[in-house]
Amino acid sequence: MPPLLKRIFSRENLLALLLSLILTALVIFTAGTSPTWIYQGF
């Protein structure tokens, strides 16, 4: 593996990418449900 690819796909970068993908998926999947907890106080 070339050193540039090794630097791009380091352990920290892969963990950050995985975390951001999980957060994005959570936002996408929970956006379809109506956020009733926002309107609880009204």
PDB file of N, CA and C in Angstrom:
ATOM      1  N   MET A   1       0.846  -1.188   0.000  1.00  0.00           N
ATOM      2  CA  MET A   1       0.000   0.000   0.000  1.00  0.00           C
ATOM      3  C   MET A   1       0.887   1.244   0.000  1.00  0.00           C
ATOM      4  N   PRO A   2       0.627   2.189  -0.877  1.00  0.00           N
ATOM      5  CA  PRO A   2       1.440   3.409  -0.896  1.00  0.00           C
ATOM      6  C   PRO A   2       1.297   4.185   0.413  1.00  0.00           C
ATOM      7  N   PRO A   3       2.302   4.955   0.758  1.00  0.00           N
ATOM      8  CA  PRO A   3       2.245   5.677   2.038  1.00  0.00           C
ATOM      9  C   PRO A   3       1.098   6.679   2.111  1.00  0.00           C
ATOM     10  N   LEU A   4       0.706   7.255   0.980  1.00  0.00           N
ATOM     11  CA  LEU A   4      -0.401   8.212   0.996  1.00  0.00           C
ATOM     12  C   LEU A   4      -1.702   7.518   1.390  1.00  0.00           C
ATOM     13  N   LEU A   5      -1.956   6.352   0.796  1.00  0.00           N
ATOM     14  CA  LEU A   5      -3.174   5.614   1.147  1.00  0.00           C
ATOM     15  C   LEU A   5      -3.119   5.131   2.583  1.00  0.00           C
ATOM     16  N   LYS A   6      -1.922   4.776   3.053  1.00  0.00           N
ATOM     17  CA  LYS A   6      -1.786   4.338   4.431  1.00  0.00           C
ATOM     18  C   LYS A   6      -2.100   5.480   5.383  1.00  0.00           C
ATOM     19  N   ARG A   7      -1.732   6.698   4.979  1.00  0.00           N
ATOM     20  CA  ARG A   7      -2.003   7.852   5.826  1.00  0.00           C
ATOM     21  C   ARG A   7      -3.485   8.225   5.789  1.00  0.00           C
ATOM     22  N   ILE A   8      -4.120   8.086   4.618  1.00  0.00           N
ATOM     23  CA  ILE A   8      -5.542   8.413   4.508  1.00  0.00           C
ATOM     24  C   ILE A   8      -6.385   7.396   5.273  1.00  0.00           C
ATOM     25  N   PHE A   9      -6.077   6.122   5.134  1.00  0.00           N
ATOM     26  CA  PHE A   9      -6.864   5.070   5.765  1.00  0.00           C
ATOM     27  C   PHE A   9      -6.227   4.608   7.065  1.00  0.00           C
ATOM     28  N   SER A  10      -5.833   5.563   7.899  1.00  0.00           N
ATOM     29  CA  SER A  10      -5.289   5.190   9.198  1.00  0.00           C
ATOM     30  C   SER A  10      -6.433   4.775  10.118  1.00  0.00           C
ATOM     31  N   ARG A  11      -6.087   4.233  11.261  1.00  0.00           N
ATOM     32  CA  ARG A  11      -7.106   3.743  12.182  1.00  0.00           C
ATOM     33  C   ARG A  11      -8.007   4.870  12.673  1.00  0.00           C
ATOM     34  N   GLU A  12      -7.412   6.035  12.972  1.00  0.00           N
ATOM     35  CA  GLU A  12      -8.215   7.155  13.470  1.00  0.00           C
ATOM     36  C   GLU A  12      -9.189   7.649  12.399  1.00  0.00           C
ATOM     37  N   ASN A  13      -8.711   7.728  11.152  1.00  0.00           N
ATOM     38  CA  ASN A  13      -9.576   8.209  10.080  1.00  0.00           C
ATOM     39  C   ASN A  13     -10.709   7.225   9.795  1.00  0.00           C
ATOM     40  N   LEU A  14     -10.427   5.935   9.858  1.00  0.00           N
ATOM     41  CA  LEU A  14     -11.478   4.951   9.629  1.00  0.00           C
ATOM     42  C   LEU A  14     -12.506   4.980  10.748  1.00  0.00           C
ATOM     43  N   LEU A  15     -12.060   5.175  11.987  1.00  0.00           N
ATOM     44  CA  LEU A  15     -12.999   5.264  13.100  1.00  0.00           C
ATOM     45  C   LEU A  15     -13.857   6.516  12.986  1.00  0.00           C
ATOM     46  N   ALA A  16     -13.249   7.638  12.582  1.00  0.00           N
ATOM     47  CA  ALA A  16     -14.010   8.873  12.416  1.00  0.00           C
ATOM     48  C   ALA A  16     -15.021   8.733  11.278  1.00  0.00           C
ATOM     49  N   LEU A  17     -14.626   8.081  10.205  1.00  0.00           N
ATOM     50  CA  LEU A  17     -15.539   7.865   9.082  1.00  0.00           C
ATOM     51  C   LEU A  17     -16.699   6.972   9.497  1.00  0.00           C
ATOM     52  N   LEU A  18     -16.393   5.916  10.228  1.00  0.00           N
ATOM     53  CA  LEU A  18     -17.439   5.005  10.691  1.00  0.00           C
ATOM     54  C   LEU A  18     -18.408   5.720  11.621  1.00  0.00           C
ATOM     55  N   LEU A  19     -17.885   6.534  12.521  1.00  0.00           N
ATOM     56  CA  LEU A  19     -18.742   7.266  13.448  1.00  0.00           C
ATOM     57  C   LEU A  19     -19.637   8.255  12.716  1.00  0.00           C
ATOM     58  N   SER A  20     -19.075   8.944  11.739  1.00  0.00           N
ATOM     59  CA  SER A  20     -19.886   9.910  10.994  1.00  0.00           C
ATOM     60  C   SER A  20     -20.956   9.200  10.158  1.00  0.00           C
ATOM     61  N   LEU A  21     -20.641   8.041   9.610  1.00  0.00           N
ATOM     62  CA  LEU A  21     -21.647   7.291   8.851  1.00  0.00           C
ATOM     63  C   LEU A  21     -22.774   6.813   9.754  1.00  0.00           C
ATOM     64  N   ILE A  22     -22.431   6.372  10.960  1.00  0.00           N
ATOM     65  CA  ILE A  22     -23.452   5.922  11.902  1.00  0.00           C
ATOM     66  C   ILE A  22     -24.348   7.088  12.305  1.00  0.00           C
ATOM     67  N   LEU A  23     -23.753   8.241  12.588  1.00  0.00           N
ATOM     68  CA  LEU A  23     -24.545   9.408  12.963  1.00  0.00           C
ATOM     69  C   LEU A  23     -25.441   9.862  11.816  1.00  0.00           C
ATOM     70  N   THR A  24     -24.905   9.834  10.598  1.00  0.00           N
ATOM     71  CA  THR A  24     -25.709  10.223   9.435  1.00  0.00           C
ATOM     72  C   THR A  24     -26.876   9.257   9.248  1.00  0.00           C
ATOM     73  N   ALA A  25     -26.624   7.966   9.398  1.00  0.00           N
ATOM     74  CA  ALA A  25     -27.691   6.981   9.249  1.00  0.00           C
ATOM     75  C   ALA A  25     -28.753   7.171  10.329  1.00  0.00           C
ATOM     76  N   LEU A  26     -28.334   7.485  11.564  1.00  0.00           N
ATOM     77  CA  LEU A  26     -29.302   7.724  12.627  1.00  0.00           C
ATOM     78  C   LEU A  26     -30.183   8.923  12.319  1.00  0.00           C
ATOM     79  N   VAL A  27     -29.578   9.989  11.819  1.00  0.00           N
ATOM     80  CA  VAL A  27     -30.346  11.188  11.478  1.00  0.00           C
ATOM     81  C   VAL A  27     -31.330  10.882  10.361  1.00  0.00           C
ATOM     82  N   ILE A  28     -30.886  10.138   9.351  1.00  0.00           N
ATOM     83  CA  ILE A  28     -31.760   9.833   8.213  1.00  0.00           C
ATOM     84  C   ILE A  28     -32.921   8.934   8.647  1.00  0.00           C
ATOM     85  N   PHE A  29     -32.627   7.910   9.457  1.00  0.00           N
ATOM     86  CA  PHE A  29     -33.673   6.961   9.816  1.00  0.00           C
ATOM     87  C   PHE A  29     -34.638   7.527  10.840  1.00  0.00           C
ATOM     88  N   THR A  30     -34.188   8.455  11.682  1.00  0.00           N
ATOM     89  CA  THR A  30     -35.096   9.020  12.677  1.00  0.00           C
ATOM     90  C   THR A  30     -35.797  10.265  12.160  1.00  0.00           C
ATOM     91  N   ALA A  31     -35.408  10.780  10.995  1.00  0.00           N
ATOM     92  CA  ALA A  31     -36.054  11.973  10.455  1.00  0.00           C
ATOM     93  C   ALA A  31     -37.461  11.652   9.957  1.00  0.00           C
ATOM     94  N   GLY A  32     -37.717  10.401   9.574  1.00  0.00           N
ATOM     95  CA  GLY A  32     -39.026  10.044   9.073  1.00  0.00           C
ATOM     96  C   GLY A  32     -40.083  10.008  10.157  1.00  0.00           C
ATOM     97  N   THR A  33     -39.701   9.684  11.378  1.00  0.00           N
ATOM     98  CA  THR A  33     -40.671   9.634  12.466  1.00  0.00           C
ATOM     99  C   THR A  33     -40.904  11.035  12.998  1.00  0.00           C
ATOM    100  N   SER A  34     -42.122  11.316  13.388  1.00  0.00           N
ATOM    101  CA  SER A  34     -42.434  12.669  13.867  1.00  0.00           C
ATOM    102  C   SER A  34     -41.841  12.870  15.256  1.00  0.00           C
ATOM    103  N   PRO A  35     -41.136  13.947  15.455  1.00  0.00           N
ATOM    104  CA  PRO A  35     -40.487  14.173  16.758  1.00  0.00           C
ATOM    105  C   PRO A  35     -41.487  14.681  17.796  1.00  0.00           C
ATOM    106  N   THR A  36     -42.255  13.754  18.389  1.00  0.00           N
ATOM    107  CA  THR A  36     -43.281  14.178  19.341  1.00  0.00           C
ATOM    108  C   THR A  36     -42.662  14.708  20.628  1.00  0.00           C
ATOM    109  N   TRP A  37     -41.425  14.329  20.940  1.00  0.00           N
ATOM    110  CA  TRP A  37     -40.814  14.804  22.190  1.00  0.00           C
ATOM    111  C   TRP A  37     -40.533  16.298  22.143  1.00  0.00           C
ATOM    112  N   ILE A  38     -40.473  16.891  20.950  1.00  0.00           N
ATOM    113  CA  ILE A  38     -40.260  18.328  20.862  1.00  0.00           C
ATOM    114  C   ILE A  38     -41.510  19.060  21.333  1.00  0.00           C
ATOM    115  N   TYR A  39     -42.694  18.516  21.035  1.00  0.00           N
ATOM    116  CA  TYR A  39     -43.948  19.193  21.334  1.00  0.00           C
ATOM    117  C   TYR A  39     -44.539  18.789  22.676  1.00  0.00           C
ATOM    118  N   GLN A  40     -43.774  18.084  23.496  1.00  0.00           N
ATOM    119  CA  GLN A  40     -44.318  17.614  24.772  1.00  0.00           C
ATOM    120  C   GLN A  40     -44.702  18.790  25.683  1.00  0.00           C
ATOM    121  N   GLY A  41     -43.919  19.853  25.654  1.00  0.00           N
ATOM    122  CA  GLY A  41     -44.170  20.947  26.579  1.00  0.00           C
ATOM    123  C   GLY A  41     -45.238  21.910  26.127  1.00  0.00           C
ATOM    124  N   PHE A  42     -45.760  21.745  24.921  1.00  0.00           N
ATOM    125  CA  PHE A  42     -46.728  22.722  24.400  1.00  0.00           C
ATOM    126  C   PHE A  42     -48.146  22.193  24.452  1.00  0.00           C
TER     127      PHE A  42
END
